[in-house]
């Protein structure tokens, strides 16, 4: 099986994404415009679901934040 990865840099207001299709980088940003955090997160969920379907994704990766002391 070919691994198709969707990489995410998640935030509650805007989230970046990228994937490779036929060795070409595809990328974009999902922006939640609502002042309501729940509505923004639901928009992010729906947009990510659409990307998974569009690019036939089978692996997700997300950026990990590290606490700076």
N, C-alpha and C. Protein backbone atom coordinates (compact mmCIF):
# COMPACT_ATOMS: atom_id res chain seq x y z
N UNK A 1 0.84 -1.18 0.00
CA UNK A 1 0.00 0.00 0.00
C UNK A 1 0.88 1.24 0.00
N UNK A 2 0.51 2.22 -0.81
CA UNK A 2 1.22 3.49 -0.87
C UNK A 2 0.77 4.35 0.29
N UNK A 3 1.74 4.88 1.05
CA UNK A 3 1.40 5.77 2.16
C UNK A 3 1.10 7.16 1.63
N UNK A 4 -0.09 7.65 1.97
CA UNK A 4 -0.50 9.00 1.60
C UNK A 4 -0.71 9.78 2.89
N UNK A 5 0.22 10.70 3.15
CA UNK A 5 0.28 11.42 4.42
C UNK A 5 -0.32 12.81 4.28
N UNK A 6 -1.16 13.17 5.25
CA UNK A 6 -1.64 14.54 5.38
C UNK A 6 -0.96 15.11 6.61
N UNK A 7 -0.14 16.13 6.41
CA UNK A 7 0.57 16.78 7.52
C UNK A 7 -0.22 18.01 7.93
N UNK A 8 -0.38 18.17 9.25
CA UNK A 8 -1.18 19.27 9.78
C UNK A 8 -0.39 20.08 10.79
N UNK A 9 -0.57 21.38 10.75
CA UNK A 9 -0.07 22.30 11.78
C UNK A 9 -1.32 22.95 12.35
N UNK A 10 -1.83 22.37 13.43
CA UNK A 10 -3.16 22.69 13.94
C UNK A 10 -3.19 23.88 14.89
N UNK A 11 -4.25 24.65 14.75
CA UNK A 11 -4.56 25.76 15.64
C UNK A 11 -6.08 25.91 15.64
N UNK A 12 -6.64 26.62 16.59
CA UNK A 12 -8.09 26.77 16.62
C UNK A 12 -8.60 27.86 15.67
N UNK A 13 -7.72 28.73 15.18
CA UNK A 13 -8.16 29.79 14.27
C UNK A 13 -7.78 29.52 12.82
N UNK A 14 -6.60 28.99 12.59
CA UNK A 14 -6.20 28.61 11.23
C UNK A 14 -5.21 27.46 11.33
N UNK A 15 -5.32 26.53 10.41
CA UNK A 15 -4.46 25.35 10.42
C UNK A 15 -3.88 25.13 9.03
N UNK A 16 -2.57 24.90 8.99
CA UNK A 16 -1.91 24.61 7.73
C UNK A 16 -1.93 23.12 7.45
N UNK A 17 -1.92 22.76 6.17
CA UNK A 17 -1.88 21.36 5.78
C UNK A 17 -1.00 21.19 4.54
N UNK A 18 -0.47 19.99 4.36
CA UNK A 18 0.28 19.66 3.16
C UNK A 18 0.23 18.16 2.91
N UNK A 19 0.39 17.81 1.64
CA UNK A 19 0.48 16.41 1.23
C UNK A 19 1.22 16.36 -0.10
N UNK A 20 1.66 15.20 -0.50
CA UNK A 20 2.31 15.02 -1.80
C UNK A 20 1.40 14.20 -2.69
N UNK A 21 1.22 14.68 -3.92
CA UNK A 21 0.42 13.98 -4.91
C UNK A 21 1.28 13.86 -6.16
N UNK A 22 1.57 12.62 -6.57
CA UNK A 22 2.43 12.39 -7.75
C UNK A 22 3.72 13.19 -7.65
N UNK A 23 4.32 13.16 -6.46
CA UNK A 23 5.59 13.83 -6.19
C UNK A 23 5.50 15.35 -6.26
N UNK A 24 4.28 15.89 -6.21
CA UNK A 24 4.09 17.34 -6.21
C UNK A 24 3.48 17.74 -4.87
N UNK A 25 4.03 18.78 -4.25
CA UNK A 25 3.55 19.25 -2.96
C UNK A 25 2.25 20.03 -3.14
N UNK A 26 1.24 19.63 -2.41
CA UNK A 26 -0.03 20.35 -2.34
C UNK A 26 -0.14 20.88 -0.92
N UNK A 27 -0.60 22.10 -0.74
CA UNK A 27 -0.68 22.66 0.60
C UNK A 27 -1.73 23.76 0.66
N UNK A 28 -2.09 24.13 1.87
CA UNK A 28 -3.06 25.19 2.03
C UNK A 28 -3.29 25.52 3.49
N UNK A 29 -4.29 26.32 3.72
CA UNK A 29 -4.62 26.77 5.07
C UNK A 29 -6.13 26.70 5.24
N UNK A 30 -6.56 26.19 6.37
CA UNK A 30 -7.97 26.16 6.72
C UNK A 30 -8.17 27.27 7.75
N UNK A 31 -9.09 28.18 7.46
CA UNK A 31 -9.30 29.32 8.34
C UNK A 31 -10.71 29.26 8.92
N UNK A 32 -10.80 29.31 10.25
CA UNK A 32 -12.09 29.38 10.91
C UNK A 32 -12.41 30.84 11.21
N UNK A 33 -13.42 31.37 10.56
CA UNK A 33 -13.71 32.80 10.68
C UNK A 33 -14.64 33.15 11.84
N UNK A 34 -15.31 32.18 12.40
CA UNK A 34 -16.27 32.46 13.47
C UNK A 34 -15.58 32.90 14.76
N UNK A 35 -16.26 33.71 15.54
CA UNK A 35 -15.77 34.07 16.87
C UNK A 35 -16.00 32.94 17.86
N UNK A 36 -16.85 32.00 17.51
CA UNK A 36 -17.20 30.87 18.36
C UNK A 36 -16.19 29.74 18.15
N UNK A 37 -15.46 29.36 19.20
CA UNK A 37 -14.42 28.34 19.10
C UNK A 37 -14.98 27.00 18.63
N UNK A 38 -16.15 26.63 19.11
CA UNK A 38 -16.75 25.35 18.70
C UNK A 38 -17.03 25.36 17.20
N UNK A 39 -17.56 26.45 16.67
CA UNK A 39 -17.83 26.55 15.24
C UNK A 39 -16.55 26.48 14.41
N UNK A 40 -15.48 27.13 14.91
CA UNK A 40 -14.19 27.08 14.20
C UNK A 40 -13.66 25.65 14.15
N UNK A 41 -13.73 24.96 15.29
CA UNK A 41 -13.21 23.58 15.35
C UNK A 41 -14.04 22.67 14.46
N UNK A 42 -15.36 22.84 14.43
CA UNK A 42 -16.20 22.03 13.54
C UNK A 42 -15.85 22.28 12.07
N UNK A 43 -15.56 23.53 11.72
CA UNK A 43 -15.15 23.83 10.35
C UNK A 43 -13.83 23.14 10.03
N UNK A 44 -12.88 23.16 10.98
CA UNK A 44 -11.59 22.49 10.79
C UNK A 44 -11.81 20.99 10.57
N UNK A 45 -12.65 20.38 11.40
CA UNK A 45 -12.93 18.95 11.30
C UNK A 45 -13.50 18.61 9.92
N UNK A 46 -14.47 19.40 9.48
CA UNK A 46 -15.08 19.15 8.18
C UNK A 46 -14.08 19.32 7.04
N UNK A 47 -13.25 20.35 7.12
CA UNK A 47 -12.27 20.61 6.06
C UNK A 47 -11.21 19.49 6.03
N UNK A 48 -10.78 19.03 7.19
CA UNK A 48 -9.79 17.93 7.24
C UNK A 48 -10.41 16.65 6.68
N UNK A 49 -11.66 16.40 7.01
CA UNK A 49 -12.36 15.21 6.47
C UNK A 49 -12.41 15.27 4.94
N UNK A 50 -12.68 16.45 4.39
CA UNK A 50 -12.72 16.62 2.94
C UNK A 50 -11.35 16.37 2.31
N UNK A 51 -10.28 16.86 2.96
CA UNK A 51 -8.93 16.62 2.45
C UNK A 51 -8.60 15.13 2.45
N UNK A 52 -8.99 14.43 3.51
CA UNK A 52 -8.74 12.99 3.60
C UNK A 52 -9.43 12.27 2.44
N UNK A 53 -10.66 12.65 2.15
CA UNK A 53 -11.38 12.03 1.03
C UNK A 53 -10.76 12.41 -0.32
N UNK A 54 -10.48 13.70 -0.49
CA UNK A 54 -9.96 14.20 -1.78
C UNK A 54 -8.65 13.53 -2.16
N UNK A 55 -7.73 13.40 -1.18
CA UNK A 55 -6.40 12.87 -1.48
C UNK A 55 -6.23 11.41 -1.07
N UNK A 56 -7.32 10.75 -0.66
CA UNK A 56 -7.28 9.34 -0.27
C UNK A 56 -6.19 9.09 0.79
N UNK A 57 -6.20 9.91 1.83
CA UNK A 57 -5.19 9.89 2.89
C UNK A 57 -5.34 8.64 3.75
N UNK A 58 -4.20 8.02 4.09
CA UNK A 58 -4.23 6.89 5.02
C UNK A 58 -3.33 7.09 6.24
N UNK A 59 -2.65 8.23 6.31
CA UNK A 59 -1.80 8.55 7.46
C UNK A 59 -1.89 10.04 7.76
N UNK A 60 -2.06 10.38 9.04
CA UNK A 60 -2.06 11.77 9.48
C UNK A 60 -0.82 12.05 10.30
N UNK A 61 -0.27 13.24 10.15
CA UNK A 61 0.87 13.68 10.97
C UNK A 61 0.58 15.10 11.41
N UNK A 62 0.94 15.42 12.65
CA UNK A 62 0.73 16.79 13.12
C UNK A 62 1.98 17.29 13.82
N UNK A 63 2.13 18.61 13.79
CA UNK A 63 3.25 19.25 14.47
C UNK A 63 3.08 19.08 15.98
N UNK A 64 4.19 18.88 16.67
CA UNK A 64 4.14 18.74 18.12
C UNK A 64 4.80 19.96 18.75
N UNK A 65 4.11 20.55 19.70
CA UNK A 65 4.66 21.71 20.40
C UNK A 65 5.49 21.24 21.58
N UNK A 66 6.58 21.91 21.81
CA UNK A 66 7.42 21.62 22.97
C UNK A 66 7.39 22.81 23.91
N UNK A 67 7.29 22.52 25.16
CA UNK A 67 7.30 23.58 26.17
C UNK A 67 8.72 24.10 26.34
N UNK A 68 8.86 25.40 26.31
CA UNK A 68 10.17 26.01 26.50
C UNK A 68 10.25 26.45 27.95
N UNK A 69 11.31 26.05 28.59
CA UNK A 69 11.47 26.39 30.01
C UNK A 69 12.35 27.62 30.17
